[in-house]
N, C-alpha and C. Protein backbone atom coordinates (compact mmCIF):
# COMPACT_ATOMS: atom_id res chain seq x y z
N MET A 1 102.24 70.07 106.36
CA MET A 1 101.82 69.68 105.04
C MET A 1 102.39 68.37 104.68
N SER A 2 103.66 68.04 105.04
CA SER A 2 104.23 66.77 104.78
C SER A 2 103.60 65.65 105.53
N LYS A 3 103.18 66.00 106.78
CA LYS A 3 102.48 64.98 107.62
C LYS A 3 101.17 64.60 107.03
N ILE A 4 100.49 65.61 106.36
CA ILE A 4 99.16 65.34 105.79
C ILE A 4 99.40 64.41 104.61
N VAL A 5 100.35 64.75 103.78
CA VAL A 5 100.69 63.93 102.55
C VAL A 5 100.98 62.52 103.02
N ALA A 6 101.83 62.42 104.01
CA ALA A 6 102.27 61.11 104.47
C ALA A 6 101.04 60.24 105.01
N THR A 7 100.15 60.95 105.70
CA THR A 7 98.96 60.33 106.22
C THR A 7 98.07 59.85 105.07
N LEU A 8 97.92 60.73 104.06
CA LEU A 8 97.01 60.35 102.98
C LEU A 8 97.63 59.06 102.19
N ILE A 9 98.94 59.17 101.96
CA ILE A 9 99.61 58.05 101.24
C ILE A 9 99.49 56.77 102.13
N ALA A 10 99.71 56.89 103.34
CA ALA A 10 99.58 55.60 104.18
C ALA A 10 98.21 55.09 104.16
N GLY A 11 97.16 56.08 104.15
CA GLY A 11 95.79 55.66 104.11
C GLY A 11 95.49 54.93 102.75
N LEU A 12 96.01 55.43 101.74
CA LEU A 12 95.85 54.80 100.34
C LEU A 12 96.40 53.37 100.34
N PHE A 13 97.58 53.28 100.88
CA PHE A 13 98.27 51.96 100.87
C PHE A 13 97.46 50.96 101.88
N ALA A 14 96.93 51.51 102.98
CA ALA A 14 96.15 50.69 103.86
C ALA A 14 94.87 50.17 103.23
N THR A 15 94.23 51.05 102.43
CA THR A 15 92.96 50.67 101.83
C THR A 15 93.16 49.80 100.67
N ALA A 16 94.29 50.01 100.07
CA ALA A 16 94.68 49.08 98.94
C ALA A 16 94.96 47.68 99.42
N ALA A 17 95.62 47.62 100.58
CA ALA A 17 95.96 46.39 101.15
C ALA A 17 94.72 45.63 101.69
N PHE A 18 93.82 46.37 102.34
CA PHE A 18 92.62 45.84 102.87
C PHE A 18 91.72 45.39 101.69
N ALA A 19 91.64 46.13 100.65
CA ALA A 19 90.65 45.86 99.66
C ALA A 19 91.20 44.60 98.73
N GLN A 20 92.39 44.29 98.87
CA GLN A 20 92.98 43.24 98.02
C GLN A 20 92.99 41.97 98.73
N THR A 21 91.78 41.41 98.84
CA THR A 21 91.55 40.09 99.56
C THR A 21 91.95 38.90 98.69
N ALA A 22 91.52 39.02 97.47
CA ALA A 22 91.76 37.81 96.55
C ALA A 22 92.54 38.41 95.24
N THR A 23 93.56 37.66 94.95
CA THR A 23 94.30 38.10 93.75
C THR A 23 93.66 37.62 92.45
N THR A 24 93.25 38.54 91.69
CA THR A 24 92.61 38.21 90.33
C THR A 24 93.25 39.07 89.26
N THR A 25 93.05 38.72 88.03
CA THR A 25 93.68 39.53 86.91
C THR A 25 92.92 40.85 86.80
N ALA A 26 91.76 40.90 87.27
CA ALA A 26 91.00 42.25 87.06
C ALA A 26 91.49 43.27 88.07
N THR A 27 92.02 42.85 89.22
CA THR A 27 92.49 43.79 90.19
C THR A 27 93.91 44.21 89.90
N ALA A 28 94.68 43.40 89.29
CA ALA A 28 96.05 43.77 88.96
C ALA A 28 96.11 45.13 88.11
N PRO A 29 95.27 45.19 87.04
CA PRO A 29 95.34 46.55 86.36
C PRO A 29 94.83 47.70 87.14
N ALA A 30 93.87 47.42 88.03
CA ALA A 30 93.28 48.40 88.91
C ALA A 30 94.36 48.93 89.83
N THR A 31 95.25 48.03 90.38
CA THR A 31 96.29 48.42 91.25
C THR A 31 97.28 49.25 90.51
N LYS A 32 97.68 48.83 89.25
CA LYS A 32 98.59 49.62 88.53
C LYS A 32 97.94 51.05 88.27
N ALA A 33 96.67 51.12 88.08
CA ALA A 33 96.01 52.33 87.82
C ALA A 33 96.02 53.25 89.14
N GLU A 34 95.86 52.43 90.29
CA GLU A 34 95.89 53.22 91.52
C GLU A 34 97.35 53.73 91.74
N VAL A 35 98.31 52.94 91.53
CA VAL A 35 99.70 53.38 91.69
C VAL A 35 99.99 54.57 90.75
N LYS A 36 99.53 54.54 89.49
CA LYS A 36 99.73 55.70 88.62
C LYS A 36 98.98 56.85 89.14
N ALA A 37 97.79 56.66 89.58
CA ALA A 37 97.05 57.88 90.16
C ALA A 37 97.77 58.42 91.34
N ASP A 38 98.22 57.47 92.27
CA ASP A 38 98.99 57.89 93.48
C ASP A 38 100.27 58.72 93.02
N LYS A 39 100.88 58.24 92.04
CA LYS A 39 102.16 58.95 91.62
C LYS A 39 101.82 60.38 91.02
N LYS A 40 100.71 60.41 90.20
CA LYS A 40 100.34 61.68 89.77
C LYS A 40 99.80 62.55 90.85
N ALA A 41 99.13 62.07 91.85
CA ALA A 41 98.66 62.85 93.01
C ALA A 41 99.93 63.35 93.78
N ALA A 42 100.90 62.47 93.94
CA ALA A 42 102.08 62.90 94.72
C ALA A 42 102.81 63.95 93.96
N LYS A 43 102.85 63.83 92.63
CA LYS A 43 103.57 64.79 91.82
C LYS A 43 102.88 66.15 91.92
N ALA A 44 101.61 66.03 91.73
CA ALA A 44 100.72 67.40 91.94
C ALA A 44 100.89 67.96 93.28
N GLU A 45 100.91 67.23 94.39
CA GLU A 45 101.09 67.78 95.67
C GLU A 45 102.48 68.31 95.88
N ALA A 46 103.56 67.61 95.32
CA ALA A 46 104.92 68.16 95.41
C ALA A 46 105.02 69.41 94.67
N LYS A 47 104.38 69.42 93.46
CA LYS A 47 104.37 70.75 92.65
C LYS A 47 103.73 71.90 93.37
N GLU A 48 102.55 71.61 94.00
CA GLU A 48 101.86 72.56 94.78
C GLU A 48 102.63 73.05 95.96
N GLU A 49 103.31 72.14 96.59
CA GLU A 49 104.07 72.48 97.76
C GLU A 49 105.32 73.41 97.28
N LYS A 50 105.90 72.95 96.13
CA LYS A 50 106.97 73.76 95.66
C LYS A 50 106.58 75.17 95.31
N ALA A 51 105.38 75.33 94.75
CA ALA A 51 104.85 76.68 94.35
C ALA A 51 104.62 77.39 95.65
N ASP A 52 104.11 76.73 96.78
CA ASP A 52 103.90 77.45 97.96
C ASP A 52 105.18 78.02 98.57
N VAL A 53 106.21 77.13 98.59
CA VAL A 53 107.50 77.48 99.10
C VAL A 53 108.10 78.65 98.34
N LYS A 54 107.93 78.55 97.06
CA LYS A 54 108.46 79.66 96.14
C LYS A 54 107.76 80.95 96.49
N ALA A 55 106.42 80.90 96.62
CA ALA A 55 105.62 82.11 96.92
C ALA A 55 106.07 82.72 98.34
N ASP A 56 106.29 81.79 99.25
CA ASP A 56 106.68 82.30 100.53
C ASP A 56 108.07 82.95 100.46
N ALA A 57 108.99 82.34 99.59
CA ALA A 57 110.25 82.88 99.44
C ALA A 57 110.21 84.30 98.85
N LYS A 58 109.31 84.48 97.86
CA LYS A 58 109.13 85.69 97.24
C LYS A 58 108.61 86.83 98.27
N LEU A 59 107.63 86.36 99.14
CA LEU A 59 107.08 87.30 100.06
C LEU A 59 108.20 87.71 101.12
N GLU A 60 108.92 86.73 101.53
CA GLU A 60 110.09 87.00 102.41
C GLU A 60 111.14 88.01 101.86
N LYS A 61 111.37 87.77 100.55
CA LYS A 61 112.37 88.62 99.91
C LYS A 61 111.77 90.04 99.84
N LYS A 62 110.47 90.19 99.49
CA LYS A 62 109.92 91.49 99.44
C LYS A 62 109.85 92.07 100.73
N ALA A 63 109.58 91.37 101.82
CA ALA A 63 109.58 91.93 103.13
C ALA A 63 110.93 92.38 103.56
N ALA A 64 111.99 91.63 103.20
CA ALA A 64 113.40 91.96 103.51
C ALA A 64 113.83 93.24 102.74
N GLU A 65 113.38 93.29 101.45
CA GLU A 65 113.61 94.54 100.73
C GLU A 65 112.91 95.75 101.27
N ALA A 66 111.68 95.57 101.76
CA ALA A 66 110.93 96.67 102.34
C ALA A 66 111.68 97.05 103.67
N ASN A 67 112.07 96.10 104.42
CA ASN A 67 112.89 96.53 105.65
C ASN A 67 114.10 97.21 105.36
N ALA A 68 114.86 96.76 104.27
CA ALA A 68 115.98 97.46 103.92
C ALA A 68 115.79 98.86 103.48
N ASP A 69 114.69 99.04 102.69
CA ASP A 69 114.24 100.42 102.25
C ASP A 69 113.97 101.27 103.40
N VAL A 70 113.32 100.69 104.46
CA VAL A 70 112.92 101.56 105.63
C VAL A 70 114.19 101.95 106.38
N ALA A 71 115.19 100.99 106.51
CA ALA A 71 116.35 101.27 107.10
C ALA A 71 117.14 102.34 106.43
N VAL A 72 117.16 102.31 105.14
CA VAL A 72 117.84 103.37 104.42
C VAL A 72 117.15 104.69 104.52
N ALA A 73 115.89 104.74 104.57
CA ALA A 73 115.17 105.89 104.77
C ALA A 73 115.38 106.50 106.10
N LYS A 74 115.38 105.53 107.16
CA LYS A 74 115.70 106.07 108.55
C LYS A 74 117.08 106.61 108.65
N ALA A 75 118.08 106.00 107.93
CA ALA A 75 119.46 106.43 107.97
C ALA A 75 119.55 107.79 107.30
N ASP A 76 118.74 108.01 106.18
CA ASP A 76 118.77 109.37 105.51
C ASP A 76 118.15 110.40 106.40
N ALA A 77 117.01 110.01 107.04
CA ALA A 77 116.42 110.91 107.88
C ALA A 77 117.24 111.37 109.13
N ASP A 78 118.00 110.34 109.68
CA ASP A 78 118.86 110.74 110.76
C ASP A 78 119.97 111.58 110.32
N LYS A 79 120.50 111.32 109.12
CA LYS A 79 121.54 112.21 108.52
C LYS A 79 121.12 113.54 108.31
N LYS A 80 119.88 113.74 107.76
CA LYS A 80 119.32 115.10 107.53
C LYS A 80 119.13 115.75 108.92
N LYS A 81 118.68 115.06 109.82
CA LYS A 81 118.34 115.65 111.14
C LYS A 81 119.72 116.10 111.81
N ALA A 82 120.75 115.31 111.69
CA ALA A 82 121.99 115.67 112.23
C ALA A 82 122.58 116.90 111.61
N LYS A 83 122.43 116.95 110.25
CA LYS A 83 122.81 118.12 109.50
C LYS A 83 122.13 119.39 109.88
N ALA A 84 120.81 119.28 110.08
CA ALA A 84 119.97 120.44 110.48
C ALA A 84 120.35 120.89 111.85
N HIS A 85 120.67 119.94 112.72
CA HIS A 85 121.00 120.24 114.10
C HIS A 85 122.32 120.99 114.06
N LYS A 86 123.27 120.47 113.32
CA LYS A 86 124.59 121.06 113.18
C LYS A 86 124.48 122.57 112.71
N LYS A 87 123.56 122.78 111.72
CA LYS A 87 123.35 124.14 111.19
C LYS A 87 122.68 125.02 112.26
N ALA A 88 121.78 124.47 113.06
CA ALA A 88 121.10 125.20 114.01
C ALA A 88 122.07 125.61 115.07
N VAL A 89 122.96 124.65 115.50
CA VAL A 89 123.95 124.99 116.55
C VAL A 89 124.95 126.02 116.06
N LYS A 90 125.40 125.89 114.78
CA LYS A 90 126.26 126.99 114.20
C LYS A 90 125.58 128.29 114.09
N ALA A 91 124.32 128.36 113.75
CA ALA A 91 123.59 129.60 113.69
C ALA A 91 123.35 130.28 115.03
N LYS A 92 123.10 129.39 116.00
CA LYS A 92 122.96 129.90 117.39
C LYS A 92 124.28 130.39 117.87
N THR A 93 125.31 129.67 117.68
CA THR A 93 126.65 130.26 118.05
C THR A 93 127.06 131.53 117.46
N GLU A 94 126.72 131.63 116.20
CA GLU A 94 126.99 132.90 115.42
C GLU A 94 126.17 134.01 116.01
N ALA A 95 124.86 133.77 116.31
CA ALA A 95 123.93 134.78 116.76
C ALA A 95 124.46 135.19 118.19
N SER A 96 124.87 134.23 119.01
CA SER A 96 125.39 134.54 120.36
C SER A 96 126.59 135.41 120.26
N ALA A 97 127.52 135.06 119.29
CA ALA A 97 128.72 135.86 119.20
C ALA A 97 128.37 137.26 118.71
N GLU A 98 127.40 137.37 117.77
CA GLU A 98 127.01 138.81 117.38
C GLU A 98 126.40 139.50 118.50
N LYS A 99 125.64 138.87 119.31
CA LYS A 99 124.97 139.55 120.45
C LYS A 99 126.04 140.03 121.39
N ALA A 100 126.97 139.18 121.63
CA ALA A 100 128.08 139.50 122.61
C ALA A 100 128.83 140.71 122.07
N GLU A 101 129.16 140.64 120.73
CA GLU A 101 129.85 141.70 120.07
C GLU A 101 129.07 143.02 120.14
N ALA A 102 127.76 143.01 119.91
CA ALA A 102 126.89 144.13 119.97
C ALA A 102 126.83 144.71 121.38
N HIS A 103 126.78 143.84 122.37
CA HIS A 103 126.74 144.29 123.73
C HIS A 103 128.04 144.89 124.18
N ALA A 104 129.19 144.36 123.62
CA ALA A 104 130.56 144.90 123.98
C ALA A 104 130.62 146.27 123.40
N ASP A 105 130.08 146.52 122.03
CA ASP A 105 130.22 147.78 121.38
C ASP A 105 129.25 148.77 122.15
N GLN A 106 128.16 148.38 122.77
CA GLN A 106 127.29 149.30 123.44
C GLN A 106 128.07 149.70 124.75
N LYS A 107 128.71 148.77 125.42
CA LYS A 107 129.45 149.18 126.61
C LYS A 107 130.51 150.14 126.28
N ALA A 108 131.23 149.91 125.08
CA ALA A 108 132.35 150.73 124.81
C ALA A 108 131.84 152.12 124.47
N ALA A 109 130.70 152.21 123.79
CA ALA A 109 130.03 153.52 123.40
C ALA A 109 129.60 154.25 124.73
N ALA A 110 129.00 153.49 125.62
CA ALA A 110 128.58 154.06 126.84
C ALA A 110 129.69 154.59 127.70
N ALA A 111 130.82 153.91 127.61
CA ALA A 111 132.02 154.34 128.45
C ALA A 111 132.67 155.60 127.86
N LYS A 112 132.43 155.95 126.73
CA LYS A 112 133.07 157.17 126.06
C LYS A 112 132.44 158.36 126.47
């Protein structure tokens, strides 16, 4: 974007220098008007570029926030998964212990 602006400004100066073959009083106010127009155009372009940069920054910020939200959600999901796994292991261990105890009771009852 800055290269385009620089090219446009250089083109304006080149055309102004080429068009200014004879110095007269009528061209002097036109040159001032051109300079004023150039300043206004430069200000407008700078303002537009600033707005573009600002919009890009907002988008990047939203994307970063979204990525942070996703990371938090993944961490929560991992935490819940680990908790569920721990409960399942505990239940399996308890079931295995109960099964072993029931089997031992059956052997003891069969031995009598």
